[in-house]
Amino acid sequence: MKRVGMTWRVHPEHLEPYTDIHLNPWPDLLQAIQEVGIHNYSIFALGNRMFAYLEVDGDVGEALGKLGETDVYKRWAIEVNPWVLPTAVDGGDIQFMEIDSIFYCP
Protein backbone atom coordinates (compact mmCIF):
# COMPACT_ATOMS: atom_id res chain seq x y z
CA MET A 1 0.00 0.00 0.00
CA LYS A 2 1.32 3.42 -0.96
CA ARG A 3 0.24 6.67 0.72
CA VAL A 4 -0.11 9.58 -1.70
CA GLY A 5 -0.63 13.31 -1.22
CA MET A 6 -1.61 15.58 -4.11
CA THR A 7 -2.45 19.24 -4.57
CA TRP A 8 -4.20 21.34 -7.23
CA ARG A 9 -6.18 24.56 -7.50
CA VAL A 10 -9.77 25.30 -8.47
CA HIS A 11 -10.95 28.44 -10.29
CA PRO A 12 -12.20 30.65 -7.42
CA GLU A 13 -15.46 31.37 -9.26
CA HIS A 14 -16.17 27.61 -9.44
CA LEU A 15 -15.29 26.76 -5.84
CA GLU A 16 -18.92 26.40 -4.71
CA PRO A 17 -20.02 23.85 -7.34
CA TYR A 18 -16.68 22.03 -7.02
CA THR A 19 -17.18 21.72 -3.27
CA ASP A 20 -20.84 20.74 -3.59
CA ILE A 21 -20.22 17.88 -6.04
CA HIS A 22 -17.47 16.50 -3.78
CA LEU A 23 -19.71 16.71 -0.72
CA ASN A 24 -22.27 14.68 -2.68
CA PRO A 25 -20.19 12.25 -4.77
CA TRP A 26 -21.81 9.83 -7.17
CA PRO A 27 -22.09 6.34 -5.61
CA ASP A 28 -20.90 4.67 -8.83
CA LEU A 29 -17.78 6.89 -8.81
CA LEU A 30 -17.00 5.85 -5.22
CA GLN A 31 -17.38 2.23 -6.26
CA ALA A 32 -15.06 2.70 -9.27
CA ILE A 33 -12.41 4.37 -7.07
CA GLN A 34 -12.42 1.41 -4.69
CA GLU A 35 -12.41 -1.15 -7.52
CA VAL A 36 -9.12 0.21 -8.92
CA GLY A 37 -7.47 -0.17 -5.50
CA ILE A 38 -7.75 3.36 -4.09
CA HIS A 39 -8.75 3.60 -0.43
CA ASN A 40 -9.02 6.21 2.33
CA TYR A 41 -9.31 8.96 -0.28
CA SER A 42 -9.93 12.38 1.25
CA ILE A 43 -9.84 15.88 -0.21
CA PHE A 44 -9.30 18.99 1.90
CA ALA A 45 -9.67 22.64 0.84
CA LEU A 46 -7.94 25.84 1.88
CA GLY A 47 -9.64 28.50 -0.23
CA ASN A 48 -9.19 27.30 -3.78
CA ARG A 49 -6.15 25.13 -2.92
CA MET A 50 -7.05 21.44 -2.75
CA PHE A 51 -5.08 18.73 -0.98
CA ALA A 52 -5.84 15.03 -1.35
CA TYR A 53 -4.68 12.05 0.64
CA LEU A 54 -5.20 8.53 -0.65
CA GLU A 55 -3.86 5.05 -0.21
CA VAL A 56 -3.43 2.79 -3.22
CA ASP A 57 -2.74 -0.89 -3.73
CA GLY A 58 0.16 -0.98 -6.19
CA ASP A 59 1.15 1.83 -8.53
CA VAL A 60 -0.79 5.10 -8.20
CA GLY A 61 -0.37 5.95 -11.89
CA GLU A 62 -1.75 2.58 -12.90
CA ALA A 63 -4.72 2.87 -10.53
CA LEU A 64 -5.54 6.40 -11.72
CA GLY A 65 -5.16 5.23 -15.33
CA LYS A 66 -7.65 2.41 -14.77
CA LEU A 67 -10.04 4.84 -13.08
CA GLY A 68 -9.71 7.24 -16.02
CA GLU A 69 -10.88 4.49 -18.37
CA THR A 70 -14.21 4.02 -16.57
CA ASP A 71 -17.38 5.54 -17.97
CA VAL A 72 -18.33 7.09 -14.64
CA TYR A 73 -14.97 8.86 -14.31
CA LYS A 74 -15.21 10.13 -17.89
CA ARG A 75 -18.62 11.67 -17.05
CA TRP A 76 -17.21 13.11 -13.79
CA ALA A 77 -14.22 14.63 -15.61
CA ILE A 78 -16.44 16.32 -18.20
CA GLU A 79 -18.33 18.05 -15.40
CA VAL A 80 -15.53 18.75 -12.89
CA ASN A 81 -12.27 19.25 -14.82
CA PRO A 82 -13.26 22.62 -16.34
CA TRP A 83 -13.37 23.99 -12.77
CA VAL A 84 -9.71 23.04 -12.11
CA LEU A 85 -6.93 25.51 -12.88
CA PRO A 86 -4.37 24.28 -15.43
CA THR A 87 -1.43 24.46 -12.99
CA ALA A 88 -1.02 23.45 -9.35
CA VAL A 89 1.38 26.36 -8.76
CA ASP A 90 1.94 29.63 -10.62
CA GLY A 91 4.62 29.21 -13.26
CA GLY A 92 4.38 25.42 -13.08
CA ASP A 93 3.36 22.95 -15.72
CA ILE A 94 1.68 20.26 -13.63
CA GLN A 95 -2.07 20.34 -12.96
CA PHE A 96 -2.24 17.65 -10.25
CA MET A 97 1.05 17.62 -8.34
CA GLU A 98 2.07 14.69 -6.13
CA ILE A 99 3.53 15.85 -2.81
CA ASP A 100 6.47 14.15 -1.07
CA SER A 101 5.69 12.53 2.26
CA ILE A 102 7.90 13.80 5.08
CA PHE A 103 6.11 12.52 8.21
CA TYR A 104 4.01 9.52 9.11
CA CYS A 105 2.69 8.37 12.49
CA PRO A 106 0.88 5.02 12.25
PDB file of N, CA and C in Angstrom:
ATOM      1  N   MET A   1       0.840  -1.168   0.000  1.00  0.00           N
ATOM      2  CA  MET A   1       0.000   0.000   0.000  1.00  0.00           C
ATOM      3  C   MET A   1       0.889   1.237   0.000  1.00  0.00           C
ATOM      4  N   LYS A   2       0.580   2.171  -0.877  1.00  0.00           N
ATOM      5  CA  LYS A   2       1.318   3.423  -0.958  1.00  0.00           C
ATOM      6  C   LYS A   2       0.415   4.559  -0.505  1.00  0.00           C
ATOM      7  N   ARG A   3       0.946   5.461   0.300  1.00  0.00           N
ATOM      8  CA  ARG A   3       0.238   6.666   0.725  1.00  0.00           C
ATOM      9  C   ARG A   3       0.628   7.797  -0.216  1.00  0.00           C
ATOM     10  N   VAL A   4      -0.361   8.536  -0.700  1.00  0.00           N
ATOM     11  CA  VAL A   4      -0.114   9.581  -1.697  1.00  0.00           C
ATOM     12  C   VAL A   4      -0.788  10.878  -1.275  1.00  0.00           C
ATOM     13  N   GLY A   5      -0.073  11.974  -1.406  1.00  0.00           N
ATOM     14  CA  GLY A   5      -0.634  13.310  -1.221  1.00  0.00           C
ATOM     15  C   GLY A   5      -0.555  14.046  -2.542  1.00  0.00           C
ATOM     16  N   MET A   6      -1.589  14.802  -2.859  1.00  0.00           N
ATOM     17  CA  MET A   6      -1.613  15.579  -4.107  1.00  0.00           C
ATOM     18  C   MET A   6      -2.219  16.947  -3.834  1.00  0.00           C
ATOM     19  N   THR A   7      -1.875  17.913  -4.683  1.00  0.00           N
ATOM     20  CA  THR A   7      -2.448  19.241  -4.573  1.00  0.00           C
ATOM     21  C   THR A   7      -2.795  19.782  -5.956  1.00  0.00           C
ATOM     22  N   TRP A   8      -3.783  20.654  -6.009  1.00  0.00           N
ATOM     23  CA  TRP A   8      -4.205  21.343  -7.225  1.00  0.00           C
ATOM     24  C   TRP A   8      -5.017  22.546  -6.803  1.00  0.00           C
ATOM     25  N   ARG A   9      -5.391  23.359  -7.787  1.00  0.00           N
ATOM     26  CA  ARG A   9      -6.177  24.556  -7.500  1.00  0.00           C
ATOM     27  C   ARG A   9      -7.443  24.561  -8.344  1.00  0.00           C
ATOM     28  N   VAL A  10      -8.477  25.173  -7.801  1.00  0.00           N
ATOM     29  CA  VAL A  10      -9.765  25.304  -8.474  1.00  0.00           C
ATOM     30  C   VAL A  10      -9.980  26.785  -8.798  1.00  0.00           C
ATOM     31  N   HIS A  11     -10.586  27.056  -9.969  1.00  0.00           N
ATOM     32  CA  HIS A  11     -10.947  28.437 -10.291  1.00  0.00           C
ATOM     33  C   HIS A  11     -11.796  28.980  -9.145  1.00  0.00           C
ATOM     34  N   PRO A  12     -11.432  30.121  -8.549  1.00  0.00           N
ATOM     35  CA  PRO A  12     -12.202  30.650  -7.420  1.00  0.00           C
ATOM     36  C   PRO A  12     -13.692  30.806  -7.711  1.00  0.00           C
ATOM     37  N   GLU A  13     -14.045  31.174  -8.945  1.00  0.00           N
ATOM     38  CA  GLU A  13     -15.456  31.365  -9.264  1.00  0.00           C
ATOM     39  C   GLU A  13     -16.226  30.048  -9.353  1.00  0.00           C
ATOM     40  N   HIS A  14     -15.517  28.918  -9.377  1.00  0.00           N
ATOM     41  CA  HIS A  14     -16.166  27.606  -9.441  1.00  0.00           C
ATOM     42  C   HIS A  14     -16.018  26.812  -8.139  1.00  0.00           C
ATOM     43  N   LEU A  15     -15.543  27.462  -7.099  1.00  0.00           N
ATOM     44  CA  LEU A  15     -15.286  26.762  -5.841  1.00  0.00           C
ATOM     45  C   LEU A  15     -16.564  26.169  -5.238  1.00  0.00           C
ATOM     46  N   GLU A  16     -17.678  26.901  -5.296  1.00  0.00           N
ATOM     47  CA  GLU A  16     -18.921  26.395  -4.706  1.00  0.00           C
ATOM     48  C   GLU A  16     -19.427  25.123  -5.399  1.00  0.00           C
ATOM     49  N   PRO A  17     -19.560  25.093  -6.725  1.00  0.00           N
ATOM     50  CA  PRO A  17     -20.021  23.847  -7.339  1.00  0.00           C
ATOM     51  C   PRO A  17     -19.004  22.709  -7.190  1.00  0.00           C
ATOM     52  N   TYR A  18     -17.716  23.050  -7.205  1.00  0.00           N
ATOM     53  CA  TYR A  18     -16.682  22.027  -7.024  1.00  0.00           C
ATOM     54  C   TYR A  18     -16.818  21.386  -5.640  1.00  0.00           C
ATOM     55  N   THR A  19     -17.003  22.221  -4.637  1.00  0.00           N
ATOM     56  CA  THR A  19     -17.182  21.721  -3.272  1.00  0.00           C
ATOM     57  C   THR A  19     -18.463  20.909  -3.152  1.00  0.00           C
ATOM     58  N   ASP A  20     -19.548  21.425  -3.693  1.00  0.00           N
ATOM     59  CA  ASP A  20     -20.843  20.740  -3.592  1.00  0.00           C
ATOM     60  C   ASP A  20     -20.809  19.343  -4.208  1.00  0.00           C
ATOM     61  N   ILE A  21     -20.211  19.196  -5.387  1.00  0.00           N
ATOM     62  CA  ILE A  21     -20.216  17.883  -6.036  1.00  0.00           C
ATOM     63  C   ILE A  21     -19.352  16.889  -5.252  1.00  0.00           C
ATOM     64  N   HIS A  22     -18.308  17.396  -4.591  1.00  0.00           N
ATOM     65  CA  HIS A  22     -17.469  16.500  -3.783  1.00  0.00           C
ATOM     66  C   HIS A  22     -18.120  16.159  -2.445  1.00  0.00           C
ATOM     67  N   LEU A  23     -18.971  17.031  -1.943  1.00  0.00           N
ATOM     68  CA  LEU A  23     -19.714  16.706  -0.721  1.00  0.00           C
ATOM     69  C   LEU A  23     -20.845  15.720  -0.999  1.00  0.00           C
ATOM     70  N   ASN A  24     -21.204  15.581  -2.266  1.00  0.00           N
ATOM     71  CA  ASN A  24     -22.273  14.677  -2.684  1.00  0.00           C
ATOM     72  C   ASN A  24     -21.795  13.826  -3.862  1.00  0.00           C
ATOM     73  N   PRO A  25     -20.763  13.005  -3.646  1.00  0.00           N
ATOM     74  CA  PRO A  25     -20.193  12.252  -4.771  1.00  0.00           C
ATOM     75  C   PRO A  25     -21.148  11.181  -5.282  1.00  0.00           C
ATOM     76  N   TRP A  26     -20.980  10.840  -6.546  1.00  0.00           N
ATOM     77  CA  TRP A  26     -21.810   9.827  -7.173  1.00  0.00           C
ATOM     78  C   TRP A  26     -21.432   8.455  -6.610  1.00  0.00           C
ATOM     79  N   PRO A  27     -22.393   7.675  -6.160  1.00  0.00           N
ATOM     80  CA  PRO A  27     -22.092   6.344  -5.609  1.00  0.00           C
ATOM     81  C   PRO A  27     -21.314   5.452  -6.577  1.00  0.00           C
ATOM     82  N   ASP A  28     -21.625   5.522  -7.883  1.00  0.00           N
ATOM     83  CA  ASP A  28     -20.901   4.671  -8.832  1.00  0.00           C
ATOM     84  C   ASP A  28     -19.456   5.134  -9.024  1.00  0.00           C
ATOM     85  N   LEU A  29     -19.164   6.424  -8.772  1.00  0.00           N
ATOM     86  CA  LEU A  29     -17.776   6.895  -8.805  1.00  0.00           C
ATOM     87  C   LEU A  29     -17.021   6.350  -7.596  1.00  0.00           C
ATOM     88  N   LEU A  30     -17.645   6.400  -6.424  1.00  0.00           N
ATOM     89  CA  LEU A  30     -17.005   5.855  -5.222  1.00  0.00           C
ATOM     90  C   LEU A  30     -16.673   4.372  -5.409  1.00  0.00           C
ATOM     91  N   GLN A  31     -17.596   3.648  -6.008  1.00  0.00           N
ATOM     92  CA  GLN A  31     -17.375   2.231  -6.264  1.00  0.00           C
ATOM     93  C   GLN A  31     -16.201   2.026  -7.230  1.00  0.00           C
ATOM     94  N   ALA A  32     -16.147   2.819  -8.285  1.00  0.00           N
ATOM     95  CA  ALA A  32     -15.061   2.700  -9.270  1.00  0.00           C
ATOM     96  C   ALA A  32     -13.711   3.015  -8.638  1.00  0.00           C
ATOM     97  N   ILE A  33     -13.654   4.018  -7.766  1.00  0.00           N
ATOM     98  CA  ILE A  33     -12.413   4.372  -7.073  1.00  0.00           C
ATOM     99  C   ILE A  33     -11.916   3.179  -6.266  1.00  0.00           C
ATOM    100  N   GLN A  34     -12.802   2.562  -5.518  1.00  0.00           N
ATOM    101  CA  GLN A  34     -12.421   1.409  -4.693  1.00  0.00           C
ATOM    102  C   GLN A  34     -12.015   0.214  -5.543  1.00  0.00           C
ATOM    103  N   GLU A  35     -12.702   0.007  -6.671  1.00  0.00           N
ATOM    104  CA  GLU A  35     -12.415  -1.149  -7.520  1.00  0.00           C
ATOM    105  C   GLU A  35     -11.030  -1.091  -8.158  1.00  0.00           C
ATOM    106  N   VAL A  36     -10.464   0.109  -8.350  1.00  0.00           N
ATOM    107  CA  VAL A  36      -9.119   0.206  -8.923  1.00  0.00           C
ATOM    108  C   VAL A  36      -8.037   0.168  -7.848  1.00  0.00           C
ATOM    109  N   GLY A  37      -8.438  -0.008  -6.578  1.00  0.00           N
ATOM    110  CA  GLY A  37      -7.466  -0.171  -5.500  1.00  0.00           C
ATOM    111  C   GLY A  37      -7.122   1.088  -4.737  1.00  0.00           C
ATOM    112  N   ILE A  38      -7.958   2.117  -4.844  1.00  0.00           N
ATOM    113  CA  ILE A  38      -7.748   3.360  -4.093  1.00  0.00           C
ATOM    114  C   ILE A  38      -8.641   3.324  -2.861  1.00  0.00           C
ATOM    115  N   HIS A  39      -8.041   3.642  -1.700  1.00  0.00           N
ATOM    116  CA  HIS A  39      -8.753   3.598  -0.425  1.00  0.00           C
ATOM    117  C   HIS A  39      -8.415   4.836   0.409  1.00  0.00           C
ATOM    118  N   ASN A  40      -9.256   5.101   1.403  1.00  0.00           N
ATOM    119  CA  ASN A  40      -9.018   6.215   2.335  1.00  0.00           C
ATOM    120  C   ASN A  40      -8.702   7.508   1.590  1.00  0.00           C
ATOM    121  N   TYR A  41      -9.499   7.786   0.574  1.00  0.00           N
ATOM    122  CA  TYR A  41      -9.307   8.960  -0.284  1.00  0.00           C
ATOM    123  C   TYR A  41     -10.072  10.125   0.323  1.00  0.00           C
ATOM    124  N   SER A  42      -9.336  11.176   0.669  1.00  0.00           N
ATOM    125  CA  SER A  42      -9.933  12.381   1.246  1.00  0.00           C
ATOM    126  C   SER A  42      -9.409  13.594   0.502  1.00  0.00           C
ATOM    127  N   ILE A  43     -10.260  14.605   0.369  1.00  0.00           N
ATOM    128  CA  ILE A  43      -9.844  15.878  -0.215  1.00  0.00           C
ATOM    129  C   ILE A  43     -10.146  16.976   0.809  1.00  0.00           C
ATOM    130  N   PHE A  44      -9.172  17.865   0.992  1.00  0.00           N
ATOM    131  CA  PHE A  44      -9.298  18.991   1.902  1.00  0.00           C
ATOM    132  C   PHE A  44      -9.124  20.273   1.096  1.00  0.00           C
ATOM    133  N   ALA A  45      -9.758  21.360   1.548  1.00  0.00           N
ATOM    134  CA  ALA A  45      -9.670  22.637   0.836  1.00  0.00           C
ATOM    135  C   ALA A  45      -9.192  23.737   1.772  1.00  0.00           C
ATOM    136  N   LEU A  46      -8.345  24.599   1.225  1.00  0.00           N
ATOM    137  CA  LEU A  46      -7.944  25.844   1.877  1.00  0.00           C
ATOM    138  C   LEU A  46      -8.137  26.924   0.822  1.00  0.00           C
ATOM    139  N   GLY A  47      -9.283  27.595   0.866  1.00  0.00           N
ATOM    140  CA  GLY A  47      -9.637  28.496  -0.226  1.00  0.00           C
ATOM    141  C   GLY A  47      -9.802  27.676  -1.484  1.00  0.00           C
ATOM    142  N   ASN A  48      -9.092  28.064  -2.535  1.00  0.00           N
ATOM    143  CA  ASN A  48      -9.191  27.302  -3.778  1.00  0.00           C
ATOM    144  C   ASN A  48      -8.050  26.300  -3.951  1.00  0.00           C
ATOM    145  N   ARG A  49      -7.230  26.120  -2.921  1.00  0.00           N
ATOM    146  CA  ARG A  49      -6.148  25.126  -2.924  1.00  0.00           C
ATOM    147  C   ARG A  49      -6.714  23.821  -2.389  1.00  0.00           C
ATOM    148  N   MET A  50      -6.582  22.751  -3.152  1.00  0.00           N
ATOM    149  CA  MET A  50      -7.051  21.435  -2.753  1.00  0.00           C
ATOM    150  C   MET A  50      -5.855  20.569  -2.365  1.00  0.00           C
ATOM    151  N   PHE A  51      -6.073  19.724  -1.380  1.00  0.00           N
ATOM    152  CA  PHE A  51      -5.082  18.728  -0.975  1.00  0.00           C
ATOM    153  C   PHE A  51      -5.804  17.396  -0.840  1.00  0.00           C
ATOM    154  N   ALA A  52      -5.246  16.368  -1.435  1.00  0.00           N
ATOM    155  CA  ALA A  52      -5.839  15.033  -1.346  1.00  0.00           C
ATOM    156  C   ALA A  52      -4.861  14.080  -0.685  1.00  0.00           C
ATOM    157  N   TYR A  53      -5.423  13.166   0.074  1.00  0.00           N
ATOM    158  CA  TYR A  53      -4.679  12.048   0.637  1.00  0.00           C
ATOM    159  C   TYR A  53      -5.387  10.790   0.187  1.00  0.00           C
ATOM    160  N   LEU A  54      -4.617   9.814  -0.283  1.00  0.00           N
ATOM    161  CA  LEU A  54      -5.203   8.530  -0.650  1.00  0.00           C
ATOM    162  C   LEU A  54      -4.184   7.433  -0.425  1.00  0.00           C
ATOM    163  N   GLU A  55      -4.703   6.232  -0.306  1.00  0.00           N
ATOM    164  CA  GLU A  55      -3.863   5.047  -0.214  1.00  0.00           C
ATOM    165  C   GLU A  55      -4.206   4.173  -1.406  1.00  0.00           C
ATOM    166  N   VAL A  56      -3.194   3.578  -2.011  1.00  0.00           N
ATOM    167  CA  VAL A  56      -3.426   2.792  -3.223  1.00  0.00           C
ATOM    168  C   VAL A  56      -2.680   1.468  -3.141  1.00  0.00           C
ATOM    169  N   ASP A  57      -3.358   0.425  -3.595  1.00  0.00           N
ATOM    170  CA  ASP A  57      -2.738  -0.886  -3.728  1.00  0.00           C
ATOM    171  C   ASP A  57      -1.949  -0.861  -5.034  1.00  0.00           C
ATOM    172  N   GLY A  58      -0.643  -0.979  -4.968  1.00  0.00           N
ATOM    173  CA  GLY A  58       0.158  -0.984  -6.192  1.00  0.00           C
ATOM    174  C   GLY A  58       0.558   0.410  -6.624  1.00  0.00           C
ATOM    175  N   ASP A  59       0.658   0.596  -7.928  1.00  0.00           N
ATOM    176  CA  ASP A  59       1.152   1.827  -8.526  1.00  0.00           C
ATOM    177  C   ASP A  59       0.030   2.857  -8.656  1.00  0.00           C
ATOM    178  N   VAL A  60       0.251   4.066  -8.168  1.00  0.00           N
ATOM    179  CA  VAL A  60      -0.787   5.105  -8.200  1.00  0.00           C
ATOM    180  C   VAL A  60      -1.121   5.503  -9.635  1.00  0.00           C
ATOM    181  N   GLY A  61      -0.122   5.600 -10.497  1.00  0.00           N
ATOM    182  CA  GLY A  61      -0.373   5.950 -11.886  1.00  0.00           C
ATOM    183  C   GLY A  61      -1.231   4.916 -12.597  1.00  0.00           C
ATOM    184  N   GLU A  62      -0.957   3.652 -12.305  1.00  0.00           N
ATOM    185  CA  GLU A  62      -1.747   2.576 -12.902  1.00  0.00           C
ATOM    186  C   GLU A  62      -3.187   2.617 -12.403  1.00  0.00           C
ATOM    187  N   ALA A  63      -3.363   2.816 -11.097  1.00  0.00           N
ATOM    188  CA  ALA A  63      -4.720   2.873 -10.531  1.00  0.00           C
ATOM    189  C   ALA A  63      -5.496   4.055 -11.104  1.00  0.00           C
ATOM    190  N   LEU A  64      -4.862   5.225 -11.182  1.00  0.00           N
ATOM    191  CA  LEU A  64      -5.541   6.398 -11.723  1.00  0.00           C
ATOM    192  C   LEU A  64      -5.826   6.213 -13.216  1.00  0.00           C
ATOM    193  N   GLY A  65      -4.926   5.525 -13.921  1.00  0.00           N
ATOM    194  CA  GLY A  65      -5.163   5.233 -15.332  1.00  0.00           C
ATOM    195  C   GLY A  65      -6.372   4.336 -15.535  1.00  0.00           C
ATOM    196  N   LYS A  66      -6.485   3.298 -14.700  1.00  0.00           N
ATOM    197  CA  LYS A  66      -7.653   2.412 -14.773  1.00  0.00           C
ATOM    198  C   LYS A  66      -8.932   3.178 -14.452  1.00  0.00           C
ATOM    199  N   LEU A  67      -8.867   4.040 -13.441  1.00  0.00           N
ATOM    200  CA  LEU A  67     -10.036   4.844 -13.085  1.00  0.00           C
ATOM    201  C   LEU A  67     -10.433   5.741 -14.251  1.00  0.00           C
ATOM    202  N   GLY A  68      -9.443   6.348 -14.896  1.00  0.00           N
ATOM    203  CA  GLY A  68      -9.707   7.239 -16.018  1.00  0.00           C
ATOM    204  C   GLY A  68     -10.366   6.559 -17.205  1.00  0.00           C
ATOM    205  N   GLU A  69     -10.262   5.247 -17.279  1.00  0.00           N
ATOM    206  CA  GLU A  69     -10.880   4.490 -18.371  1.00  0.00           C
ATOM    207  C   GLU A  69     -12.348   4.154 -18.105  1.00  0.00           C
ATOM    208  N   THR A  70     -12.824   4.368 -16.889  1.00  0.00           N
ATOM    209  CA  THR A  70     -14.209   4.016 -16.566  1.00  0.00           C
ATOM    210  C   THR A  70     -15.175   5.068 -17.100  1.00  0.00           C
ATOM    211  N   ASP A  71     -16.361   4.623 -17.468  1.00  0.00           N
ATOM    212  CA  ASP A  71     -17.380   5.543 -17.975  1.00  0.00           C
ATOM    213  C   ASP A  71     -17.776   6.579 -16.934  1.00  0.00           C
ATOM    214  N   VAL A  72     -17.901   6.156 -15.677  1.00  0.00           N
ATOM    215  CA  VAL A  72     -18.329   7.091 -14.637  1.00  0.00           C
ATOM    216  C   VAL A  72     -17.283   8.180 -14.430  1.00  0.00           C
ATOM    217  N   TYR A  73     -15.996   7.833 -14.466  1.00  0.00           N
ATOM    218  CA  TYR A  73     -14.972   8.861 -14.306  1.00  0.00           C
ATOM    219  C   TYR A  73     -14.960   9.807 -15.504  1.00  0.00           C
ATOM    220  N   LYS A  74     -15.169   9.271 -16.700  1.00  0.00           N
ATOM    221  CA  LYS A  74     -15.212  10.128 -17.887  1.00  0.00           C
ATOM    222  C   LYS A  74     -16.336  11.159 -17.771  1.00  0.00           C
ATOM    223  N   ARG A  75     -17.499  10.729 -17.258  1.00  0.00           N
ATOM    224  CA  ARG A  75     -18.617  11.667 -17.046  1.00  0.00           C
ATOM    225  C   ARG A  75     -18.259  12.695 -15.977  1.00  0.00           C
ATOM    226  N   TRP A  76     -17.641  12.233 -14.885  1.00  0.00           N
ATOM    227  CA  TRP A  76     -17.211  13.113 -13.788  1.00  0.00           C
ATOM    228  C   TRP A  76     -16.231  14.156 -14.316  1.00  0.00           C
ATOM    229  N   ALA A  77     -15.249  13.717 -15.094  1.00  0.00           N
ATOM    230  CA  ALA A  77     -14.221  14.626 -15.609  1.00  0.00           C
ATOM    231  C   ALA A  77     -14.814  15.697 -16.514  1.00  0.00           C
ATOM    232  N   ILE A  78     -15.793  15.331 -17.332  1.00  0.00           N
ATOM    233  CA  ILE A  78     -16.438  16.321 -18.202  1.00  0.00           C
ATOM    234  C   ILE A  78     -17.073  17.424 -17.365  1.00  0.00           C
ATOM    235  N   GLU A  79     -17.660  17.058 -16.247  1.00  0.00           N
ATOM    236  CA  GLU A  79     -18.327  18.046 -15.397  1.00  0.00           C
ATOM    237  C   GLU A  79     -17.349  18.828 -14.525  1.00  0.00           C
ATOM    238  N   VAL A  80     -16.370  18.145 -13.931  1.00  0.00           N
ATOM    239  CA  VAL A  80     -15.531  18.745 -12.894  1.00  0.00           C
ATOM    240  C   VAL A  80     -14.237  19.377 -13.414  1.00  0.00           C
ATOM    241  N   ASN A  81     -13.583  18.766 -14.383  1.00  0.00           N
ATOM    242  CA  ASN A  81     -12.269  19.253 -14.820  1.00  0.00           C
ATOM    243  C   ASN A  81     -12.249  20.695 -15.313  1.00  0.00           C
ATOM    244  N   PRO A  82     -13.310  21.209 -15.937  1.00  0.00           N
ATOM    245  CA  PRO A  82     -13.262  22.621 -16.336  1.00  0.00           C
ATOM    246  C   PRO A  82     -13.144  23.588 -15.151  1.00  0.00           C
ATOM    247  N   TRP A  83     -13.460  23.136 -13.966  1.00  0.00           N
ATOM    248  CA  TRP A  83     -13.366  23.986 -12.772  1.00  0.00           C
ATOM    249  C   TRP A  83     -11.958  24.029 -12.193  1.00  0.00           C
ATOM    250  N   VAL A  84     -11.064  23.149 -12.653  1.00  0.00           N
ATOM    251  CA  VAL A  84      -9.711  23.040 -12.110  1.00  0.00           C
ATOM    252  C   VAL A  84      -8.765  23.922 -12.914  1.00  0.00           C
ATOM    253  N   LEU A  85      -7.918  24.680 -12.203  1.00  0.00           N
ATOM    254  CA  LEU A  85      -6.926  25.513 -12.881  1.00  0.00           C
ATOM    255  C   LEU A  85      -5.902  24.620 -13.584  1.00  0.00           C
ATOM    256  N   PRO A  86      -5.284  25.117 -14.653  1.00  0.00           N
ATOM    257  CA  PRO A  86      -4.366  24.281 -15.432  1.00  0.00           C
ATOM    258  C   PRO A  86      -3.035  23.978 -14.746  1.00  0.00           C
ATOM    259  N   THR A  87      -2.687  24.736 -13.690  1.00  0.00           N
ATOM    260  CA  THR A  87      -1.429  24.460 -12.989  1.00  0.00           C
ATOM    261  C   THR A  87      -1.645  24.447 -11.480  1.00  0.00           C
ATOM    262  N   ALA A  88      -0.915  23.559 -10.806  1.00  0.00           N
ATOM    263  CA  ALA A  88      -1.020  23.448  -9.346  1.00  0.00           C
ATOM    264  C   ALA A  88      -0.350  24.634  -8.652  1.00  0.00           C
ATOM    265  N   VAL A  89       0.680  25.193  -9.293  1.00  0.00           N
ATOM    266  CA  VAL A  89       1.376  26.361  -8.757  1.00  0.00           C
ATOM    267  C   VAL A  89       1.627  27.337  -9.898  1.00  0.00           C
ATOM    268  N   ASP A  90       1.661  28.622  -9.590  1.00  0.00           N
ATOM    269  CA  ASP A  90       1.942  29.628 -10.621  1.00  0.00           C
ATOM    270  C   ASP A  90       3.310  29.352 -11.235  1.00  0.00           C
ATOM    271  N   GLY A  91       3.369  29.427 -12.550  1.00  0.00           N
ATOM    272  CA  GLY A  91       4.620  29.210 -13.257  1.00  0.00           C
ATOM    273  C   GLY A  91       4.977  27.743 -13.431  1.00  0.00           C
ATOM    274  N   GLY A  92       4.119  26.846 -12.940  1.00  0.00           N
ATOM    275  CA  GLY A  92       4.379  25.416 -13.078  1.00  0.00           C
ATOM    276  C   GLY A  92       3.748  24.865 -14.333  1.00  0.00           C
ATOM    277  N   ASP A  93       3.959  23.569 -14.546  1.00  0.00           N
ATOM    278  CA  ASP A  93       3.358  22.953 -15.722  1.00  0.00           C
ATOM    279  C   ASP A  93       2.619  21.672 -15.376  1.00  0.00           C
ATOM    280  N   ILE A  94       2.360  21.467 -14.079  1.00  0.00           N
ATOM    281  CA  ILE A  94       1.677  20.258 -13.626  1.00  0.00           C
ATOM    282  C   ILE A  94       0.338  20.660 -13.014  1.00  0.00           C
ATOM    283  N   GLN A  95      -0.740  20.004 -13.457  1.00  0.00           N
ATOM    284  CA  GLN A  95      -2.068  20.338 -12.957  1.00  0.00           C
ATOM    285  C   GLN A  95      -2.341  19.686 -11.606  1.00  0.00           C
ATOM    286  N   PHE A  96      -2.053  18.384 -11.498  1.00  0.00           N
ATOM    287  CA  PHE A  96      -2.238  17.646 -10.252  1.00  0.00           C
ATOM    288  C   PHE A  96      -0.854  17.203  -9.799  1.00  0.00           C
ATOM    289  N   MET A  97      -0.329  17.821  -8.755  1.00  0.00           N
ATOM    290  CA  MET A  97       1.046  17.616  -8.335  1.00  0.00           C
ATOM    291  C   MET A  97       1.106  16.690  -7.120  1.00  0.00           C
ATOM    292  N   GLU A  98       1.871  15.595  -7.259  1.00  0.00           N
ATOM    293  CA  GLU A  98       2.072  14.694  -6.128  1.00  0.00           C
ATOM    294  C   GLU A  98       3.042  15.348  -5.158  1.00  0.00           C
ATOM    295  N   ILE A  99       2.745  15.220  -3.870  1.00  0.00           N
ATOM    296  CA  ILE A  99       3.527  15.847  -2.814  1.00  0.00           C
ATOM    297  C   ILE A  99       4.357  14.774  -2.111  1.00  0.00           C
ATOM    298  N   ASP A 100       5.610  15.097  -1.784  1.00  0.00           N
ATOM    299  CA  ASP A 100       6.470  14.154  -1.066  1.00  0.00           C
ATOM    300  C   ASP A 100       6.025  14.016   0.385  1.00  0.00           C
ATOM    301  N   SER A 101       6.009  12.795   0.866  1.00  0.00           N
ATOM    302  CA  SER A 101       5.693  12.526   2.265  1.00  0.00           C
ATOM    303  C   SER A 101       6.926  12.772   3.119  1.00  0.00           C
ATOM    304  N   ILE A 102       6.766  13.551   4.198  1.00  0.00           N
ATOM    305  CA  ILE A 102       7.904  13.804   5.083  1.00  0.00           C
ATOM    306  C   ILE A 102       7.634  13.372   6.528  1.00  0.00           C
ATOM    307  N   PHE A 103       6.416  12.948   6.849  1.00  0.00           N
ATOM    308  CA  PHE A 103       6.110  12.525   8.207  1.00  0.00           C
ATOM    309  C   PHE A 103       4.966  11.539   8.170  1.00  0.00           C
ATOM    310  N   TYR A 104       5.061  10.507   9.004  1.00  0.00           N
ATOM    311  CA  TYR A 104       4.006   9.516   9.109  1.00  0.00           C
ATOM    312  C   TYR A 104       4.002   8.968  10.525  1.00  0.00           C
ATOM    313  N   CYS A 105       2.845   8.946  11.150  1.00  0.00           N
ATOM    314  CA  CYS A 105       2.686   8.370  12.486  1.00  0.00           C
ATOM    315  C   CYS A 105       1.575   7.343  12.411  1.00  0.00           C
ATOM    316  N   PRO A 106       1.923   6.060  12.371  1.00  0.00           N
ATOM    317  CA  PRO A 106       0.880   5.015  12.248  1.00  0.00           C
ATOM    318  C   PRO A 106       0.013   4.885  13.485  1.00  0.00           C
TER     319      PRO A 106
END
